[in-house]
PDB file of all heavy atoms in Angstrom:
ATOM      1  N   ALA A   1       0.820  -1.206   0.000  1.00  0.00           N
ATOM      2  CA  ALA A   1       0.000   0.000   0.000  1.00  0.00           C
ATOM      3  C   ALA A   1       0.858   1.263   0.000  1.00  0.00           C
ATOM      4  O   ALA A   1       0.608   2.204  -0.765  1.00  0.00           O
ATOM      5  CB  ALA A   1      -0.922  -0.008   1.218  1.00  0.00           C
ATOM      6  N   ALA A   2       1.876   1.283   0.848  1.00  0.00           N
ATOM      7  CA  ALA A   2       2.754   2.448   0.909  1.00  0.00           C
ATOM      8  C   ALA A   2       3.558   2.596  -0.377  1.00  0.00           C
ATOM      9  O   ALA A   2       3.796   3.722  -0.845  1.00  0.00           O
ATOM     10  CB  ALA A   2       3.695   2.336   2.108  1.00  0.00           C
ATOM     11  N   GLY A   3       3.960   1.475  -0.968  1.00  0.00           N
ATOM     12  CA  GLY A   3       4.710   1.535  -2.220  1.00  0.00           C
ATOM     13  C   GLY A   3       3.888   2.127  -3.356  1.00  0.00           C
ATOM     14  O   GLY A   3       4.373   2.978  -4.113  1.00  0.00           O
ATOM     15  N   VAL A   4       2.640   1.695  -3.474  1.00  0.00           N
ATOM     16  CA  VAL A   4       1.758   2.241  -4.516  1.00  0.00           C
ATOM     17  C   VAL A   4       1.500   3.726  -4.265  1.00  0.00           C
ATOM     18  O   VAL A   4       1.517   4.546  -5.195  1.00  0.00           O
ATOM     19  CB  VAL A   4       0.430   1.454  -4.565  1.00  0.00           C
ATOM     20  CG1 VAL A   4      -0.571   2.148  -5.491  1.00  0.00           C
ATOM     21  CG2 VAL A   4       0.674   0.023  -5.019  1.00  0.00           C
ATOM     22  N   ALA A   5       1.259   4.073  -2.994  1.00  0.00           N
ATOM     23  CA  ALA A   5       0.999   5.471  -2.661  1.00  0.00           C
ATOM     24  C   ALA A   5       2.211   6.351  -2.957  1.00  0.00           C
ATOM     25  O   ALA A   5       2.064   7.476  -3.451  1.00  0.00           O
ATOM     26  CB  ALA A   5       0.611   5.590  -1.188  1.00  0.00           C
ATOM     27  N   MET A   6       3.389   5.855  -2.661  1.00  0.00           N
ATOM     28  CA  MET A   6       4.595   6.622  -2.955  1.00  0.00           C
ATOM     29  C   MET A   6       4.786   6.811  -4.458  1.00  0.00           C
ATOM     30  O   MET A   6       5.198   7.879  -4.918  1.00  0.00           O
ATOM     31  CB  MET A   6       5.814   5.927  -2.348  1.00  0.00           C
ATOM     32  CG  MET A   6       6.004   6.184  -0.874  1.00  0.00           C
ATOM     33  SD  MET A   6       6.295   7.930  -0.555  1.00  0.00           S
ATOM     34  CE  MET A   6       6.567   7.882   1.215  1.00  0.00           C
ATOM     35  N   ALA A   7       4.482   5.765  -5.220  1.00  0.00           N
ATOM     36  CA  ALA A   7       4.567   5.895  -6.680  1.00  0.00           C
ATOM     37  C   ALA A   7       3.608   6.974  -7.167  1.00  0.00           C
ATOM     38  O   ALA A   7       3.952   7.787  -8.034  1.00  0.00           O
ATOM     39  CB  ALA A   7       4.249   4.553  -7.337  1.00  0.00           C
ATOM     40  N   ALA A   8       2.411   6.983  -6.587  1.00  0.00           N
ATOM     41  CA  ALA A   8       1.442   8.013  -6.955  1.00  0.00           C
ATOM     42  C   ALA A   8       1.938   9.396  -6.535  1.00  0.00           C
ATOM     43  O   ALA A   8       1.794  10.378  -7.278  1.00  0.00           O
ATOM     44  CB  ALA A   8       0.090   7.711  -6.307  1.00  0.00           C
ATOM     45  N   TYR A   9       2.526   9.470  -5.333  1.00  0.00           N
ATOM     46  CA  TYR A   9       3.011  10.749  -4.817  1.00  0.00           C
ATOM     47  C   TYR A   9       4.072  11.353  -5.734  1.00  0.00           C
ATOM     48  O   TYR A   9       4.143  12.582  -5.906  1.00  0.00           O
ATOM     49  CB  TYR A   9       3.580  10.542  -3.416  1.00  0.00           C
ATOM     50  CG  TYR A   9       4.157  11.791  -2.793  1.00  0.00           C
ATOM     51  CD1 TYR A   9       3.327  12.744  -2.210  1.00  0.00           C
ATOM     52  CD2 TYR A   9       5.533  12.011  -2.772  1.00  0.00           C
ATOM     53  CE1 TYR A   9       3.853  13.887  -1.634  1.00  0.00           C
ATOM     54  CE2 TYR A   9       6.065  13.154  -2.198  1.00  0.00           C
ATOM     55  CZ  TYR A   9       5.228  14.091  -1.624  1.00  0.00           C
ATOM     56  OH  TYR A   9       5.754  15.230  -1.070  1.00  0.00           O
ATOM     57  N   TYR A  10       4.902  10.493  -6.322  1.00  0.00           N
ATOM     58  CA  TYR A  10       5.955  10.993  -7.206  1.00  0.00           C
ATOM     59  C   TYR A  10       5.513  11.082  -8.671  1.00  0.00           C
ATOM     60  O   TYR A  10       6.347  11.212  -9.562  1.00  0.00           O
ATOM     61  CB  TYR A  10       7.196  10.128  -7.064  1.00  0.00           C
ATOM     62  CG  TYR A  10       7.948  10.413  -5.781  1.00  0.00           C
ATOM     63  CD1 TYR A  10       7.911   9.522  -4.714  1.00  0.00           C
ATOM     64  CD2 TYR A  10       8.663  11.593  -5.618  1.00  0.00           C
ATOM     65  CE1 TYR A  10       8.579   9.780  -3.519  1.00  0.00           C
ATOM     66  CE2 TYR A  10       9.330  11.868  -4.435  1.00  0.00           C
ATOM     67  CZ  TYR A  10       9.289  10.967  -3.390  1.00  0.00           C
ATOM     68  OH  TYR A  10       9.950  11.239  -2.220  1.00  0.00           O
ATOM     69  N   GLY A  11       4.182  11.010  -8.901  1.00  0.00           N
ATOM     70  CA  GLY A  11       3.638  11.320 -10.220  1.00  0.00           C
ATOM     71  C   GLY A  11       3.471  10.170 -11.171  1.00  0.00           C
ATOM     72  O   GLY A  11       3.201  10.391 -12.356  1.00  0.00           O
ATOM     73  N   ALA A  12       3.597   8.928 -10.714  1.00  0.00           N
ATOM     74  CA  ALA A  12       3.512   7.783 -11.625  1.00  0.00           C
ATOM     75  C   ALA A  12       2.131   7.628 -12.254  1.00  0.00           C
ATOM     76  O   ALA A  12       2.008   7.078 -13.349  1.00  0.00           O
ATOM     77  CB  ALA A  12       3.890   6.494 -10.886  1.00  0.00           C
ATOM     78  N   PHE A  13       1.089   8.098 -11.571  1.00  0.00           N
ATOM     79  CA  PHE A  13      -0.274   7.908 -12.066  1.00  0.00           C
ATOM     80  C   PHE A  13      -0.971   9.212 -12.429  1.00  0.00           C
ATOM     81  O   PHE A  13      -2.196   9.274 -12.539  1.00  0.00           O
ATOM     82  CB  PHE A  13      -1.114   7.159 -11.011  1.00  0.00           C
ATOM     83  CG  PHE A  13      -0.473   5.903 -10.507  1.00  0.00           C
ATOM     84  CD1 PHE A  13      -0.318   5.686  -9.149  1.00  0.00           C
ATOM     85  CD2 PHE A  13       0.007   4.942 -11.395  1.00  0.00           C
ATOM     86  CE1 PHE A  13       0.286   4.528  -8.669  1.00  0.00           C
ATOM     87  CE2 PHE A  13       0.616   3.788 -10.929  1.00  0.00           C
ATOM     88  CZ  PHE A  13       0.758   3.580  -9.570  1.00  0.00           C
ATOM     89  N   GLY A  14      -0.212  10.272 -12.572  1.00  0.00           N
ATOM     90  CA  GLY A  14      -0.805  11.536 -12.990  1.00  0.00           C
ATOM     91  C   GLY A  14      -0.911  12.539 -11.853  1.00  0.00           C
ATOM     92  O   GLY A  14      -0.679  12.232 -10.679  1.00  0.00           O
ATOM     93  N   THR A  15      -1.303  13.756 -12.215  1.00  0.00           N
ATOM     94  CA  THR A  15      -1.342  14.868 -11.264  1.00  0.00           C
ATOM     95  C   THR A  15      -2.396  14.679 -10.183  1.00  0.00           C
ATOM     96  O   THR A  15      -2.157  14.946  -9.008  1.00  0.00           O
ATOM     97  CB  THR A  15      -1.608  16.187 -12.013  1.00  0.00           C
ATOM     98  OG1 THR A  15      -0.619  16.367 -13.032  1.00  0.00           O
ATOM     99  CG2 THR A  15      -1.551  17.367 -11.049  1.00  0.00           C
ATOM    100  N   LEU A  16      -3.596  14.231 -10.580  1.00  0.00           N
ATOM    101  CA  LEU A  16      -4.667  14.048  -9.606  1.00  0.00           C
ATOM    102  C   LEU A  16      -4.300  12.986  -8.575  1.00  0.00           C
ATOM    103  O   LEU A  16      -4.474  13.183  -7.364  1.00  0.00           O
ATOM    104  CB  LEU A  16      -5.966  13.664 -10.314  1.00  0.00           C
ATOM    105  CG  LEU A  16      -7.175  13.412  -9.407  1.00  0.00           C
ATOM    106  CD1 LEU A  16      -7.497  14.665  -8.597  1.00  0.00           C
ATOM    107  CD2 LEU A  16      -8.397  12.987 -10.233  1.00  0.00           C
ATOM    108  N   ALA A  17      -3.784  11.856  -9.042  1.00  0.00           N
ATOM    109  CA  ALA A  17      -3.375  10.787  -8.132  1.00  0.00           C
ATOM    110  C   ALA A  17      -2.246  11.256  -7.216  1.00  0.00           C
ATOM    111  O   ALA A  17      -2.172  10.853  -6.047  1.00  0.00           O
ATOM    112  CB  ALA A  17      -2.934   9.563  -8.913  1.00  0.00           C
ATOM    113  N   GLN A  18      -1.399  12.109  -7.716  1.00  0.00           N
ATOM    114  CA  GLN A  18      -0.302  12.639  -6.902  1.00  0.00           C
ATOM    115  C   GLN A  18      -0.833  13.444  -5.716  1.00  0.00           C
ATOM    116  O   GLN A  18      -0.314  13.352  -4.609  1.00  0.00           O
ATOM    117  CB  GLN A  18       0.596  13.528  -7.764  1.00  0.00           C
ATOM    118  CG  GLN A  18       1.837  14.043  -7.073  1.00  0.00           C
ATOM    119  CD  GLN A  18       2.731  14.826  -8.025  1.00  0.00           C
ATOM    120  OE1 GLN A  18       2.250  15.430  -8.989  1.00  0.00           O
ATOM    121  NE2 GLN A  18       4.028  14.823  -7.769  1.00  0.00           N
ATOM    122  N   ALA A  19      -1.905  14.211  -5.948  1.00  0.00           N
ATOM    123  CA  ALA A  19      -2.464  15.054  -4.891  1.00  0.00           C
ATOM    124  C   ALA A  19      -3.151  14.238  -3.796  1.00  0.00           C
ATOM    125  O   ALA A  19      -3.220  14.670  -2.647  1.00  0.00           O
ATOM    126  CB  ALA A  19      -3.452  16.053  -5.495  1.00  0.00           C
ATOM    127  N   VAL A  20      -3.674  13.070  -4.165  1.00  0.00           N
ATOM    128  CA  VAL A  20      -4.454  12.271  -3.193  1.00  0.00           C
ATOM    129  C   VAL A  20      -3.777  10.933  -2.901  1.00  0.00           C
ATOM    130  O   VAL A  20      -4.430   9.980  -2.488  1.00  0.00           O
ATOM    131  CB  VAL A  20      -5.890  12.042  -3.715  1.00  0.00           C
ATOM    132  CG1 VAL A  20      -6.608  13.363  -3.894  1.00  0.00           C
ATOM    133  CG2 VAL A  20      -5.891  11.257  -5.025  1.00  0.00           C
ATOM    134  N   SER A  21      -2.469  10.854  -3.057  1.00  0.00           N
ATOM    135  CA  SER A  21      -1.764   9.575  -2.946  1.00  0.00           C
ATOM    136  C   SER A  21      -2.003   8.833  -1.629  1.00  0.00           C
ATOM    137  O   SER A  21      -2.106   7.596  -1.634  1.00  0.00           O
ATOM    138  CB  SER A  21      -0.258   9.789  -3.175  1.00  0.00           C
ATOM    139  OG  SER A  21       0.281  10.706  -2.233  1.00  0.00           O
ATOM    140  N   PRO A  22      -2.102   9.511  -0.459  1.00  0.00           N
ATOM    141  CA  PRO A  22      -2.341   8.750   0.777  1.00  0.00           C
ATOM    142  C   PRO A  22      -3.652   7.961   0.774  1.00  0.00           C
ATOM    143  O   PRO A  22      -3.779   6.972   1.496  1.00  0.00           O
ATOM    144  CB  PRO A  22      -2.349   9.832   1.865  1.00  0.00           C
ATOM    145  CG  PRO A  22      -1.504  10.926   1.313  1.00  0.00           C
ATOM    146  CD  PRO A  22      -1.820  10.927  -0.148  1.00  0.00           C
ATOM    147  N   PHE A  23      -4.618   8.381  -0.041  1.00  0.00           N
ATOM    148  CA  PHE A  23      -5.875   7.632  -0.114  1.00  0.00           C
ATOM    149  C   PHE A  23      -5.671   6.272  -0.788  1.00  0.00           C
ATOM    150  O   PHE A  23      -6.388   5.319  -0.488  1.00  0.00           O
ATOM    151  CB  PHE A  23      -6.949   8.447  -0.838  1.00  0.00           C
ATOM    152  CG  PHE A  23      -7.519   9.547   0.011  1.00  0.00           C
ATOM    153  CD1 PHE A  23      -7.054  10.847  -0.094  1.00  0.00           C
ATOM    154  CD2 PHE A  23      -8.515   9.282   0.932  1.00  0.00           C
ATOM    155  CE1 PHE A  23      -7.561  11.863   0.682  1.00  0.00           C
ATOM    156  CE2 PHE A  23      -9.042  10.289   1.730  1.00  0.00           C
ATOM    157  CZ  PHE A  23      -8.564  11.586   1.609  1.00  0.00           C
ATOM    158  N   PHE A  24      -4.691   6.177  -1.681  1.00  0.00           N
ATOM    159  CA  PHE A  24      -4.327   4.871  -2.247  1.00  0.00           C
ATOM    160  C   PHE A  24      -3.844   3.950  -1.125  1.00  0.00           C
ATOM    161  O   PHE A  24      -4.213   2.771  -1.054  1.00  0.00           O
ATOM    162  CB  PHE A  24      -3.219   5.034  -3.295  1.00  0.00           C
ATOM    163  CG  PHE A  24      -3.674   5.595  -4.608  1.00  0.00           C
ATOM    164  CD1 PHE A  24      -3.831   6.955  -4.794  1.00  0.00           C
ATOM    165  CD2 PHE A  24      -3.950   4.760  -5.682  1.00  0.00           C
ATOM    166  CE1 PHE A  24      -4.241   7.486  -5.999  1.00  0.00           C
ATOM    167  CE2 PHE A  24      -4.363   5.269  -6.900  1.00  0.00           C
ATOM    168  CZ  PHE A  24      -4.517   6.635  -7.062  1.00  0.00           C
ATOM    169  N   ALA A  25      -2.994   4.509  -0.243  1.00  0.00           N
ATOM    170  CA  ALA A  25      -2.472   3.722   0.870  1.00  0.00           C
ATOM    171  C   ALA A  25      -3.589   3.291   1.807  1.00  0.00           C
ATOM    172  O   ALA A  25      -3.632   2.139   2.260  1.00  0.00           O
ATOM    173  CB  ALA A  25      -1.423   4.537   1.636  1.00  0.00           C
ATOM    174  N   LEU A  26      -4.519   4.185   2.084  1.00  0.00           N
ATOM    175  CA  LEU A  26      -5.626   3.885   2.992  1.00  0.00           C
ATOM    176  C   LEU A  26      -6.481   2.733   2.475  1.00  0.00           C
ATOM    177  O   LEU A  26      -6.762   1.769   3.200  1.00  0.00           O
ATOM    178  CB  LEU A  26      -6.486   5.140   3.183  1.00  0.00           C
ATOM    179  CG  LEU A  26      -7.797   4.974   3.954  1.00  0.00           C
ATOM    180  CD1 LEU A  26      -7.534   4.485   5.368  1.00  0.00           C
ATOM    181  CD2 LEU A  26      -8.568   6.299   3.969  1.00  0.00           C
ATOM    182  N   VAL A  27      -6.876   2.817   1.227  1.00  0.00           N
ATOM    183  CA  VAL A  27      -7.766   1.797   0.646  1.00  0.00           C
ATOM    184  C   VAL A  27      -7.052   0.451   0.529  1.00  0.00           C
ATOM    185  O   VAL A  27      -7.595  -0.599   0.917  1.00  0.00           O
ATOM    186  CB  VAL A  27      -8.291   2.267  -0.723  1.00  0.00           C
ATOM    187  CG1 VAL A  27      -9.068   1.143  -1.416  1.00  0.00           C
ATOM    188  CG2 VAL A  27      -9.183   3.497  -0.563  1.00  0.00           C
ATOM    189  N   LEU A  28      -5.848   0.450   0.013  1.00  0.00           N
ATOM    190  CA  LEU A  28      -5.113  -0.807  -0.174  1.00  0.00           C
ATOM    191  C   LEU A  28      -4.751  -1.455   1.162  1.00  0.00           C
ATOM    192  O   LEU A  28      -4.894  -2.672   1.329  1.00  0.00           O
ATOM    193  CB  LEU A  28      -3.846  -0.555  -0.986  1.00  0.00           C
ATOM    194  CG  LEU A  28      -4.039  -0.295  -2.486  1.00  0.00           C
ATOM    195  CD1 LEU A  28      -2.722   0.125  -3.117  1.00  0.00           C
ATOM    196  CD2 LEU A  28      -4.594  -1.533  -3.178  1.00  0.00           C
ATOM    197  N   ALA A  29      -4.292  -0.659   2.122  1.00  0.00           N
ATOM    198  CA  ALA A  29      -3.870  -1.218   3.404  1.00  0.00           C
ATOM    199  C   ALA A  29      -5.044  -1.783   4.189  1.00  0.00           C
ATOM    200  O   ALA A  29      -4.871  -2.716   4.971  1.00  0.00           O
ATOM    201  CB  ALA A  29      -3.160  -0.147   4.230  1.00  0.00           C
ATOM    202  N   PHE A  30      -6.224  -1.239   3.973  1.00  0.00           N
ATOM    203  CA  PHE A  30      -7.391  -1.784   4.670  1.00  0.00           C
ATOM    204  C   PHE A  30      -7.952  -3.011   3.942  1.00  0.00           C
ATOM    205  O   PHE A  30      -8.448  -3.950   4.570  1.00  0.00           O
ATOM    206  CB  PHE A  30      -8.490  -0.725   4.796  1.00  0.00           C
ATOM    207  CG  PHE A  30      -9.600  -1.135   5.726  1.00  0.00           C
ATOM    208  CD1 PHE A  30      -9.477  -0.961   7.090  1.00  0.00           C
ATOM    209  CD2 PHE A  30     -10.757  -1.709   5.231  1.00  0.00           C
ATOM    210  CE1 PHE A  30     -10.491  -1.349   7.950  1.00  0.00           C
ATOM    211  CE2 PHE A  30     -11.777  -2.108   6.085  1.00  0.00           C
ATOM    212  CZ  PHE A  30     -11.654  -1.926   7.458  1.00  0.00           C
ATOM    213  N   GLY A  31      -7.851  -3.024   2.630  1.00  0.00           N
ATOM    214  CA  GLY A  31      -8.447  -4.114   1.864  1.00  0.00           C
ATOM    215  C   GLY A  31      -7.586  -5.356   1.717  1.00  0.00           C
ATOM    216  O   GLY A  31      -8.107  -6.470   1.588  1.00  0.00           O
ATOM    217  N   LEU A  32      -6.266  -5.207   1.754  1.00  0.00           N
ATOM    218  CA  LEU A  32      -5.377  -6.344   1.506  1.00  0.00           C
ATOM    219  C   LEU A  32      -5.264  -7.356   2.649  1.00  0.00           C
ATOM    220  O   LEU A  32      -5.175  -8.564   2.381  1.00  0.00           O
ATOM    221  CB  LEU A  32      -3.976  -5.830   1.136  1.00  0.00           C
ATOM    222  CG  LEU A  32      -3.820  -5.262  -0.278  1.00  0.00           C
ATOM    223  CD1 LEU A  32      -2.416  -4.698  -0.459  1.00  0.00           C
ATOM    224  CD2 LEU A  32      -4.085  -6.339  -1.325  1.00  0.00           C
ATOM    225  N   PRO A  33      -5.238  -6.950   3.931  1.00  0.00           N
ATOM    226  CA  PRO A  33      -5.042  -7.945   4.987  1.00  0.00           C
ATOM    227  C   PRO A  33      -6.010  -9.127   4.984  1.00  0.00           C
ATOM    228  O   PRO A  33      -5.567 -10.275   5.157  1.00  0.00           O
ATOM    229  CB  PRO A  33      -5.166  -7.111   6.271  1.00  0.00           C
ATOM    230  CG  PRO A  33      -4.643  -5.785   5.871  1.00  0.00           C
ATOM    231  CD  PRO A  33      -5.166  -5.580   4.475  1.00  0.00           C
ATOM    232  N   PRO A  34      -7.321  -8.944   4.765  1.00  0.00           N
ATOM    233  CA  PRO A  34      -8.197 -10.122   4.703  1.00  0.00           C
ATOM    234  C   PRO A  34      -7.853 -11.054   3.549  1.00  0.00           C
ATOM    235  O   PRO A  34      -7.948 -12.284   3.676  1.00  0.00           O
ATOM    236  CB  PRO A  34      -9.596  -9.521   4.533  1.00  0.00           C
ATOM    237  CG  PRO A  34      -9.485  -8.130   5.020  1.00  0.00           C
ATOM    238  CD  PRO A  34      -8.096  -7.694   4.689  1.00  0.00           C
TER     239      PRO A  34
END
């Protein structure tokens, strides 16, 4: 989750994703453990 969010933060998925990158971490980190 943190790896994907960091990639987004550094612009890998575009400007919008860069602005909201921690939300990628939130969703993935909550959904992956189960």
